[in-house]
Amino acid sequence: MRAILQRVKEASVTVDGRVTGKIGSGLLVLLGVGKGDTEADVDFMVDKIPALRIFEDGAGKMNLSLLDTSKALLAVSQFTLFADAKKGRRPSFIDAMPPEEAKRLYALFCERCRALGLEVQEGVFAAHMDVALVNDGPVTVSLDSRAA
């Protein structure tokens, strides 16, 4: 499972002219599910992302996590994180998990983050989404559950 985290001042997802998810300050999480990912990969991401200390404390140091603040998380499914562009000019997505199982693991990630008490907003799985954000910092972090 791969994730790109962007610390944001605000972010939103719009599908067919309708806002489906919107947050103020927090994290935009682009989440990709790869072939072979399991609930253990979800557990890794749920353990890591909310506890990642990338928000500033009173002294201006990155010492606080989502769990330490009242900030929110906007989760957006992103199968293109598994693009392989080593050969040719057109990326291959063969390493992305098929949509049915990917949707289940994406939903489980969102559900488990909510169970931690986080506000979690979402995009629409497999939809064409317009994602808007105001990056804060910018702070961008990539995670791969298999590289851990």
Foldseek 3Di string as FASTA:
>chain_A
DKKKKWFFQKKWKDFPNRTQFIFGTDIEIADFAWPPDDVVLLVVCLVDQQQPQQDQDPVGDSGGGVLRDQGAYEYEYDLCVQWDCPDDHDTDSNGGDPQVVRVVSSVVSQVSNVVSVHHYTYYDPPGDIDMDTGGPVGDMDMDDSVVD
